[in-house]
Amino acid sequence: AARAVKEGEADALFSAGNTGALLAAGL
């Protein structure tokens, strides 16, 4: 999902998962 946002296939990322992992994916 993060890669899709990075590559412009999506405008935003939503998750209810691991907060630390989501921050890492974002960064």
PDB file of all heavy atoms in Angstrom:
ATOM      1  N   ALA A   1       0.838  -1.210   0.000  1.00  0.00           N
ATOM      2  CA  ALA A   1       0.000   0.000   0.000  1.00  0.00           C
ATOM      3  C   ALA A   1       0.870   1.255   0.000  1.00  0.00           C
ATOM      4  O   ALA A   1       0.584   2.225  -0.717  1.00  0.00           O
ATOM      5  CB  ALA A   1      -0.923  -0.010   1.212  1.00  0.00           C
ATOM      6  N   ALA A   2       1.934   1.240   0.800  1.00  0.00           N
ATOM      7  CA  ALA A   2       2.851   2.388   0.843  1.00  0.00           C
ATOM      8  C   ALA A   2       3.539   2.576  -0.503  1.00  0.00           C
ATOM      9  O   ALA A   2       3.725   3.712  -0.978  1.00  0.00           O
ATOM     10  CB  ALA A   2       3.880   2.194   1.948  1.00  0.00           C
ATOM     11  N   ARG A   3       3.920   1.460  -1.134  1.00  0.00           N
ATOM     12  CA  ARG A   3       4.587   1.538  -2.430  1.00  0.00           C
ATOM     13  C   ARG A   3       3.644   2.119  -3.496  1.00  0.00           C
ATOM     14  O   ARG A   3       4.075   2.861  -4.381  1.00  0.00           O
ATOM     15  CB  ARG A   3       5.075   0.154  -2.841  1.00  0.00           C
ATOM     16  CG  ARG A   3       6.151   0.165  -3.928  1.00  0.00           C
ATOM     17  CD  ARG A   3       6.661  -1.231  -4.191  1.00  0.00           C
ATOM     18  NE  ARG A   3       7.277  -1.791  -2.991  1.00  0.00           N
ATOM     19  CZ  ARG A   3       7.294  -3.082  -2.687  1.00  0.00           C
ATOM     20  NH1 ARG A   3       6.705  -3.958  -3.503  1.00  0.00           N
ATOM     21  NH2 ARG A   3       7.881  -3.513  -1.599  1.00  0.00           N
ATOM     22  N   ALA A   4       2.359   1.798  -3.394  1.00  0.00           N
ATOM     23  CA  ALA A   4       1.385   2.342  -4.344  1.00  0.00           C
ATOM     24  C   ALA A   4       1.305   3.864  -4.233  1.00  0.00           C
ATOM     25  O   ALA A   4       1.191   4.567  -5.246  1.00  0.00           O
ATOM     26  CB  ALA A   4       0.009   1.727  -4.089  1.00  0.00           C
ATOM     27  N   VAL A   5       1.378   4.370  -3.010  1.00  0.00           N
ATOM     28  CA  VAL A   5       1.371   5.820  -2.804  1.00  0.00           C
ATOM     29  C   VAL A   5       2.657   6.433  -3.339  1.00  0.00           C
ATOM     30  O   VAL A   5       2.637   7.467  -4.024  1.00  0.00           O
ATOM     31  CB  VAL A   5       1.188   6.153  -1.311  1.00  0.00           C
ATOM     32  CG1 VAL A   5       1.304   7.663  -1.075  1.00  0.00           C
ATOM     33  CG2 VAL A   5      -0.161   5.639  -0.805  1.00  0.00           C
ATOM     34  N   LYS A   6       3.781   5.789  -3.060  1.00  0.00           N
ATOM     35  CA  LYS A   6       5.080   6.272  -3.545  1.00  0.00           C
ATOM     36  C   LYS A   6       5.096   6.369  -5.070  1.00  0.00           C
ATOM     37  O   LYS A   6       5.626   7.341  -5.632  1.00  0.00           O
ATOM     38  CB  LYS A   6       6.169   5.315  -3.070  1.00  0.00           C
ATOM     39  CG  LYS A   6       7.546   5.535  -3.686  1.00  0.00           C
ATOM     40  CD  LYS A   6       8.177   6.831  -3.214  1.00  0.00           C
ATOM     41  CE  LYS A   6       9.609   6.950  -3.736  1.00  0.00           C
ATOM     42  NZ  LYS A   6      10.238   8.237  -3.327  1.00  0.00           N
ATOM     43  N   GLU A   7       4.515   5.392  -5.738  1.00  0.00           N
ATOM     44  CA  GLU A   7       4.553   5.333  -7.200  1.00  0.00           C
ATOM     45  C   GLU A   7       3.415   6.089  -7.872  1.00  0.00           C
ATOM     46  O   GLU A   7       3.273   6.059  -9.089  1.00  0.00           O
ATOM     47  CB  GLU A   7       4.552   3.866  -7.643  1.00  0.00           C
ATOM     48  CG  GLU A   7       5.819   3.125  -7.196  1.00  0.00           C
ATOM     49  CD  GLU A   7       5.766   1.624  -7.462  1.00  0.00           C
ATOM     50  OE1 GLU A   7       4.693   1.164  -7.944  1.00  0.00           O
ATOM     51  OE2 GLU A   7       6.752   0.932  -7.179  1.00  0.00           O
ATOM     52  N   GLY A   8       2.601   6.778  -7.060  1.00  0.00           N
ATOM     53  CA  GLY A   8       1.533   7.593  -7.616  1.00  0.00           C
ATOM     54  C   GLY A   8       0.282   6.849  -8.013  1.00  0.00           C
ATOM     55  O   GLY A   8      -0.608   7.405  -8.662  1.00  0.00           O
ATOM     56  N   GLU A   9       0.173   5.580  -7.612  1.00  0.00           N
ATOM     57  CA  GLU A   9      -1.021   4.797  -7.930  1.00  0.00           C
ATOM     58  C   GLU A   9      -2.158   5.087  -6.957  1.00  0.00           C
ATOM     59  O   GLU A   9      -3.308   4.742  -7.214  1.00  0.00           O
ATOM     60  CB  GLU A   9      -0.679   3.307  -7.904  1.00  0.00           C
ATOM     61  CG  GLU A   9       0.349   2.887  -8.948  1.00  0.00           C
ATOM     62  CD  GLU A   9       0.811   1.452  -8.766  1.00  0.00           C
ATOM     63  OE1 GLU A   9       0.254   0.765  -7.872  1.00  0.00           O
ATOM     64  OE2 GLU A   9       1.721   1.010  -9.499  1.00  0.00           O
ATOM     65  N   ALA A  10      -1.842   5.696  -5.826  1.00  0.00           N
ATOM     66  CA  ALA A  10      -2.842   6.082  -4.832  1.00  0.00           C
ATOM     67  C   ALA A  10      -2.430   7.419  -4.224  1.00  0.00           C
ATOM     68  O   ALA A  10      -1.258   7.793  -4.244  1.00  0.00           O
ATOM     69  CB  ALA A  10      -2.975   5.012  -3.746  1.00  0.00           C
ATOM     70  N   ASP A  11      -3.422   8.126  -3.671  1.00  0.00           N
ATOM     71  CA  ASP A  11      -3.171   9.466  -3.123  1.00  0.00           C
ATOM     72  C   ASP A  11      -2.886   9.449  -1.631  1.00  0.00           C
ATOM     73  O   ASP A  11      -2.338  10.420  -1.094  1.00  0.00           O
ATOM     74  CB  ASP A  11      -4.388  10.360  -3.382  1.00  0.00           C
ATOM     75  CG  ASP A  11      -4.704  10.474  -4.860  1.00  0.00           C
ATOM     76  OD1 ASP A  11      -3.817  10.916  -5.611  1.00  0.00           O
ATOM     77  OD2 ASP A  11      -5.822  10.108  -5.261  1.00  0.00           O
ATOM     78  N   ALA A  12      -3.273   8.385  -0.944  1.00  0.00           N
ATOM     79  CA  ALA A  12      -3.112   8.336   0.508  1.00  0.00           C
ATOM     80  C   ALA A  12      -3.042   6.891   0.968  1.00  0.00           C
ATOM     81  O   ALA A  12      -3.493   5.975   0.273  1.00  0.00           O
ATOM     82  CB  ALA A  12      -4.268   9.052   1.195  1.00  0.00           C
ATOM     83  N   LEU A  13      -2.491   6.694   2.164  1.00  0.00           N
ATOM     84  CA  LEU A  13      -2.359   5.370   2.769  1.00  0.00           C
ATOM     85  C   LEU A  13      -3.129   5.332   4.081  1.00  0.00           C
ATOM     86  O   LEU A  13      -3.000   6.224   4.918  1.00  0.00           O
ATOM     87  CB  LEU A  13      -0.884   5.059   3.027  1.00  0.00           C
ATOM     88  CG  LEU A  13      -0.536   3.864   3.927  1.00  0.00           C
ATOM     89  CD1 LEU A  13      -1.100   2.574   3.371  1.00  0.00           C
ATOM     90  CD2 LEU A  13       0.979   3.760   4.103  1.00  0.00           C
ATOM     91  N   PHE A  14      -3.930   4.281   4.250  1.00  0.00           N
ATOM     92  CA  PHE A  14      -4.685   4.086   5.482  1.00  0.00           C
ATOM     93  C   PHE A  14      -4.360   2.730   6.086  1.00  0.00           C
ATOM     94  O   PHE A  14      -4.320   1.720   5.389  1.00  0.00           O
ATOM     95  CB  PHE A  14      -6.194   4.163   5.206  1.00  0.00           C
ATOM     96  CG  PHE A  14      -7.032   3.605   6.325  1.00  0.00           C
ATOM     97  CD1 PHE A  14      -7.120   4.269   7.533  1.00  0.00           C
ATOM     98  CD2 PHE A  14      -7.712   2.409   6.177  1.00  0.00           C
ATOM     99  CE1 PHE A  14      -7.873   3.759   8.574  1.00  0.00           C
ATOM    100  CE2 PHE A  14      -8.482   1.888   7.203  1.00  0.00           C
ATOM    101  CZ  PHE A  14      -8.561   2.570   8.407  1.00  0.00           C
ATOM    102  N   SER A  15      -4.147   2.712   7.413  1.00  0.00           N
ATOM    103  CA  SER A  15      -3.873   1.453   8.100  1.00  0.00           C
ATOM    104  C   SER A  15      -4.309   1.533   9.557  1.00  0.00           C
ATOM    105  O   SER A  15      -4.311   2.610  10.163  1.00  0.00           O
ATOM    106  CB  SER A  15      -2.367   1.132   8.042  1.00  0.00           C
ATOM    107  OG  SER A  15      -2.081  -0.067   8.761  1.00  0.00           O
ATOM    108  N   ALA A  16      -4.691   0.385  10.106  1.00  0.00           N
ATOM    109  CA  ALA A  16      -4.957   0.264  11.537  1.00  0.00           C
ATOM    110  C   ALA A  16      -3.905  -0.641  12.182  1.00  0.00           C
ATOM    111  O   ALA A  16      -4.071  -1.092  13.306  1.00  0.00           O
ATOM    112  CB  ALA A  16      -6.348  -0.316  11.772  1.00  0.00           C
ATOM    113  N   GLY A  17      -2.820  -0.883  11.447  1.00  0.00           N
ATOM    114  CA  GLY A  17      -1.805  -1.832  11.893  1.00  0.00           C
ATOM    115  C   GLY A  17      -0.727  -1.245  12.779  1.00  0.00           C
ATOM    116  O   GLY A  17      -0.890  -0.174  13.378  1.00  0.00           O
ATOM    117  N   ASN A  18       0.401  -1.961  12.839  1.00  0.00           N
ATOM    118  CA  ASN A  18       1.553  -1.623  13.672  1.00  0.00           C
ATOM    119  C   ASN A  18       1.992  -0.165  13.446  1.00  0.00           C
ATOM    120  O   ASN A  18       2.414   0.207  12.354  1.00  0.00           O
ATOM    121  CB  ASN A  18       2.682  -2.592  13.298  1.00  0.00           C
ATOM    122  CG  ASN A  18       3.909  -2.450  14.143  1.00  0.00           C
ATOM    123  OD1 ASN A  18       4.391  -1.358  14.410  1.00  0.00           O
ATOM    124  ND2 ASN A  18       4.467  -3.587  14.557  1.00  0.00           N
ATOM    125  N   THR A  19       1.895   0.668  14.486  1.00  0.00           N
ATOM    126  CA  THR A  19       2.192   2.102  14.344  1.00  0.00           C
ATOM    127  C   THR A  19       3.641   2.337  13.957  1.00  0.00           C
ATOM    128  O   THR A  19       3.936   3.157  13.068  1.00  0.00           O
ATOM    129  CB  THR A  19       1.880   2.846  15.651  1.00  0.00           C
ATOM    130  OG1 THR A  19       0.510   2.643  16.008  1.00  0.00           O
ATOM    131  CG2 THR A  19       2.136   4.339  15.498  1.00  0.00           C
ATOM    132  N   GLY A  20       4.556   1.631  14.604  1.00  0.00           N
ATOM    133  CA  GLY A  20       5.969   1.794  14.297  1.00  0.00           C
ATOM    134  C   GLY A  20       6.287   1.394  12.870  1.00  0.00           C
ATOM    135  O   GLY A  20       7.070   2.067  12.174  1.00  0.00           O
ATOM    136  N   ALA A  21       5.676   0.310  12.412  1.00  0.00           N
ATOM    137  CA  ALA A  21       5.897  -0.141  11.036  1.00  0.00           C
ATOM    138  C   ALA A  21       5.315   0.852  10.041  1.00  0.00           C
ATOM    139  O   ALA A  21       5.911   1.113   8.987  1.00  0.00           O
ATOM    140  CB  ALA A  21       5.267  -1.520  10.830  1.00  0.00           C
ATOM    141  N   LEU A  22       4.164   1.432  10.363  1.00  0.00           N
ATOM    142  CA  LEU A  22       3.558   2.424   9.472  1.00  0.00           C
ATOM    143  C   LEU A  22       4.444   3.663   9.369  1.00  0.00           C
ATOM    144  O   LEU A  22       4.618   4.228   8.283  1.00  0.00           O
ATOM    145  CB  LEU A  22       2.166   2.807   9.967  1.00  0.00           C
ATOM    146  CG  LEU A  22       1.356   3.707   9.031  1.00  0.00           C
ATOM    147  CD1 LEU A  22       1.103   3.017   7.696  1.00  0.00           C
ATOM    148  CD2 LEU A  22       0.035   4.117   9.688  1.00  0.00           C
ATOM    149  N   LEU A  23       5.004   4.087  10.500  1.00  0.00           N
ATOM    150  CA  LEU A  23       5.936   5.218  10.474  1.00  0.00           C
ATOM    151  C   LEU A  23       7.161   4.880   9.636  1.00  0.00           C
ATOM    152  O   LEU A  23       7.613   5.700   8.816  1.00  0.00           O
ATOM    153  CB  LEU A  23       6.354   5.587  11.899  1.00  0.00           C
ATOM    154  CG  LEU A  23       7.401   6.705  12.030  1.00  0.00           C
ATOM    155  CD1 LEU A  23       6.886   7.997  11.417  1.00  0.00           C
ATOM    156  CD2 LEU A  23       7.781   6.915  13.496  1.00  0.00           C
ATOM    157  N   ALA A  24       7.687   3.667   9.797  1.00  0.00           N
ATOM    158  CA  ALA A  24       8.849   3.238   9.019  1.00  0.00           C
ATOM    159  C   ALA A  24       8.515   3.183   7.528  1.00  0.00           C
ATOM    160  O   ALA A  24       9.309   3.609   6.687  1.00  0.00           O
ATOM    161  CB  ALA A  24       9.336   1.869   9.509  1.00  0.00           C
ATOM    162  N   ALA A  25       7.329   2.669   7.201  1.00  0.00           N
ATOM    163  CA  ALA A  25       6.908   2.615   5.793  1.00  0.00           C
ATOM    164  C   ALA A  25       6.780   4.015   5.218  1.00  0.00           C
ATOM    165  O   ALA A  25       7.170   4.275   4.071  1.00  0.00           O
ATOM    166  CB  ALA A  25       5.582   1.868   5.681  1.00  0.00           C
ATOM    167  N   GLY A  26       6.242   4.910   6.025  1.00  0.00           N
ATOM    168  CA  GLY A  26       6.102   6.287   5.571  1.00  0.00           C
ATOM    169  C   GLY A  26       7.436   6.939   5.303  1.00  0.00           C
ATOM    170  O   GLY A  26       7.640   7.602   4.276  1.00  0.00           O
ATOM    171  N   LEU A  27       8.384   6.737   6.206  1.00  0.00           N
ATOM    172  CA  LEU A  27       9.704   7.356   6.074  1.00  0.00           C
ATOM    173  C   LEU A  27      10.547   6.694   4.994  1.00  0.00           C
ATOM    174  O   LEU A  27      11.169   7.374   4.171  1.00  0.00           O
ATOM    175  CB  LEU A  27      10.441   7.290   7.417  1.00  0.00           C
ATOM    176  CG  LEU A  27       9.956   8.245   8.509  1.00  0.00           C
ATOM    177  CD1 LEU A  27      10.591   7.886   9.848  1.00  0.00           C
ATOM    178  CD2 LEU A  27      10.277   9.683   8.147  1.00  0.00           C
TER     179      LEU A  27
END
